[in-house]
Each structure stands twice: as C-alpha cells, then as structure tokens.
Amino acid sequence: MRSILIVAAALAIVAGTVRSADAGYRYPWCLYTMADMSECTFMTLEQCNLSRAGVGGTCYQNPRYLPEPPGARAKARRVQR
C-alpha cells in the first residue's frame, strides 16, 4: 500500500511539472509568491492580483510568454480535417 502511495505522489509531481512547464509559454502573467515559487498561469493581471491577495507575492509579466500569431488556431483546425 505504501509503494502505491509513493508511485501516485511521484506521478502527480511529474504531471504538475509538465503542466507548469507548458503553461509558462501560454500565459502572459506570473505570480511570484512569498514561498519563492513562480506560477505563470494567468491570462490577465486582474486574475494574478486576485490570487496574490490570498497568498501574497508579486505579479509580473511572463518573460517566456509566446503569443500565438493571429489566425494560428483557425489554420490548425483546417489542417486537422
């Protein structure tokens, strides 16, 4: 039973790391918390400020943010068909 919990915890950590690494390029705003953690998962500054109000920290623009070029989603849909 203990080994199942360890494996489940390891999978959760890996899944969270992959998600946060991918999210770093998709969201323009980040929150740097008092626990020395950076979370780049906010679409607007207002979203970041609301989260910051609960945990403290500083909101800043994501230096790794890569906006999608205009029409990129429409083009991707056409290719998938």
C-alpha atoms as a PDB file:
ATOM      1  CA  MET A   1       0.000   0.000   0.000  1.00  0.00           C
ATOM      2  CA  ARG A   2       2.821   2.371   0.854  1.00  0.00           C
ATOM      3  CA  SER A   3       4.524   1.833  -2.519  1.00  0.00           C
ATOM      4  CA  ILE A   4       1.264   2.667  -4.318  1.00  0.00           C
ATOM      5  CA  LEU A   5       1.102   5.996  -2.484  1.00  0.00           C
ATOM      6  CA  ILE A   6       4.722   6.770  -3.355  1.00  0.00           C
ATOM      7  CA  VAL A   7       4.149   5.985  -7.037  1.00  0.00           C
ATOM      8  CA  ALA A   8       0.946   8.074  -7.076  1.00  0.00           C
ATOM      9  CA  ALA A   9       2.763  11.020  -5.488  1.00  0.00           C
ATOM     10  CA  ALA A  10       5.621  10.759  -7.986  1.00  0.00           C
ATOM     11  CA  LEU A  11       3.179  10.718 -10.917  1.00  0.00           C
ATOM     12  CA  ALA A  12       1.370  13.763  -9.540  1.00  0.00           C
ATOM     13  CA  ILE A  13       4.655  15.654  -9.246  1.00  0.00           C
ATOM     14  CA  VAL A  14       5.701  14.756 -12.798  1.00  0.00           C
ATOM     15  CA  ALA A  15       2.277  15.696 -14.201  1.00  0.00           C
ATOM     16  CA  GLY A  16       2.368  19.023 -12.374  1.00  0.00           C
ATOM     17  CA  THR A  17       5.860  19.769 -13.644  1.00  0.00           C
ATOM     18  CA  VAL A  18       4.912  19.078 -17.250  1.00  0.00           C
ATOM     19  CA  ARG A  19       1.763  21.171 -16.971  1.00  0.00           C
ATOM     20  CA  SER A  20       3.560  24.127 -15.388  1.00  0.00           C
ATOM     21  CA  ALA A  21       6.424  23.990 -17.895  1.00  0.00           C
ATOM     22  CA  ASP A  22       3.967  24.082 -20.789  1.00  0.00           C
ATOM     23  CA  ALA A  23       1.904  26.796 -19.128  1.00  0.00           C
ATOM     24  CA  GLY A  24       4.937  29.053 -18.889  1.00  0.00           C
ATOM     25  CA  TYR A  25       4.704  29.792 -22.586  1.00  0.00           C
ATOM     26  CA  ARG A  26       0.922  30.144 -22.851  1.00  0.00           C
ATOM     27  CA  TYR A  27       0.078  32.692 -20.171  1.00  0.00           C
ATOM     28  CA  PRO A  28       1.236  36.331 -20.113  1.00  0.00           C
ATOM     29  CA  TRP A  29       1.162  36.875 -16.319  1.00  0.00           C
ATOM     30  CA  CYS A  30       3.040  35.203 -13.460  1.00  0.00           C
ATOM     31  CA  LEU A  31       2.790  35.292  -9.678  1.00  0.00           C
ATOM     32  CA  TYR A  32       5.950  35.127  -7.581  1.00  0.00           C
ATOM     33  CA  THR A  33       4.871  34.035  -4.081  1.00  0.00           C
ATOM     34  CA  MET A  34       6.447  34.536  -0.690  1.00  0.00           C
ATOM     35  CA  ALA A  35       7.400  30.835  -0.753  1.00  0.00           C
ATOM     36  CA  ASP A  36       9.852  31.573  -3.622  1.00  0.00           C
ATOM     37  CA  MET A  37       7.588  29.897  -6.181  1.00  0.00           C
ATOM     38  CA  SER A  38       6.688  31.271  -9.579  1.00  0.00           C
ATOM     39  CA  GLU A  39       3.369  30.339 -11.187  1.00  0.00           C
ATOM     40  CA  CYS A  40       2.743  31.518 -14.754  1.00  0.00           C
ATOM     41  CA  THR A  41      -0.904  30.552 -15.230  1.00  0.00           C
ATOM     42  CA  PHE A  42      -2.769  33.848 -15.532  1.00  0.00           C
ATOM     43  CA  MET A  43      -4.353  35.359 -18.638  1.00  0.00           C
ATOM     44  CA  THR A  44      -4.863  38.804 -17.077  1.00  0.00           C
ATOM     45  CA  LEU A  45      -3.209  40.968 -14.466  1.00  0.00           C
ATOM     46  CA  GLU A  46      -6.524  41.046 -12.574  1.00  0.00           C
ATOM     47  CA  GLN A  47      -6.523  37.237 -12.261  1.00  0.00           C
ATOM     48  CA  CYS A  48      -2.985  37.335 -10.911  1.00  0.00           C
ATOM     49  CA  ASN A  49      -3.821  40.092  -8.418  1.00  0.00           C
ATOM     50  CA  LEU A  50      -6.833  38.162  -7.114  1.00  0.00           C
ATOM     51  CA  SER A  51      -4.651  35.107  -6.476  1.00  0.00           C
ATOM     52  CA  ARG A  52      -1.936  37.266  -4.946  1.00  0.00           C
ATOM     53  CA  ALA A  53      -4.441  38.705  -2.467  1.00  0.00           C
ATOM     54  CA  GLY A  54      -4.833  35.254  -0.910  1.00  0.00           C
ATOM     55  CA  VAL A  55      -1.175  34.218  -0.670  1.00  0.00           C
ATOM     56  CA  GLY A  56       0.896  37.370  -1.041  1.00  0.00           C
ATOM     57  CA  GLY A  57       3.603  37.928  -3.591  1.00  0.00           C
ATOM     58  CA  THR A  58       4.151  39.932  -6.753  1.00  0.00           C
ATOM     59  CA  CYS A  59       2.581  39.756 -10.217  1.00  0.00           C
ATOM     60  CA  TYR A  60       4.839  40.282 -13.216  1.00  0.00           C
ATOM     61  CA  GLN A  61       4.730  39.859 -16.979  1.00  0.00           C
ATOM     62  CA  ASN A  62       5.883  36.432 -18.129  1.00  0.00           C
ATOM     63  CA  PRO A  63       9.248  36.852 -19.895  1.00  0.00           C
ATOM     64  CA  ARG A  64       8.776  33.462 -21.632  1.00  0.00           C
ATOM     65  CA  TYR A  65       5.281  34.214 -22.971  1.00  0.00           C
ATOM     66  CA  LEU A  66       4.923  33.475 -26.679  1.00  0.00           C
ATOM     67  CA  PRO A  67       1.626  34.801 -28.028  1.00  0.00           C
ATOM     68  CA  GLU A  68       0.010  32.858 -30.855  1.00  0.00           C
ATOM     69  CA  PRO A  69       0.217  34.566 -34.224  1.00  0.00           C
ATOM     70  CA  PRO A  70      -3.164  35.839 -35.482  1.00  0.00           C
ATOM     71  CA  GLY A  71      -5.137  33.079 -37.206  1.00  0.00           C
ATOM     72  CA  ALA A  72      -2.979  30.248 -35.815  1.00  0.00           C
ATOM     73  CA  ARG A  73      -5.955  28.382 -34.332  1.00  0.00           C
ATOM     74  CA  ALA A  74      -8.060  28.645 -37.479  1.00  0.00           C
ATOM     75  CA  LYS A  75      -5.152  27.358 -39.550  1.00  0.00           C
ATOM     76  CA  ALA A  76      -4.606  24.435 -37.149  1.00  0.00           C
ATOM     77  CA  ARG A  77      -8.292  23.464 -37.447  1.00  0.00           C
ATOM     78  CA  ARG A  78      -8.085  23.388 -41.246  1.00  0.00           C
ATOM     79  CA  VAL A  79      -5.030  21.135 -41.152  1.00  0.00           C
ATOM     80  CA  GLN A  80      -6.685  18.625 -38.802  1.00  0.00           C
ATOM     81  CA  ARG A  81      -9.591  17.879 -41.166  1.00  0.00           C
END
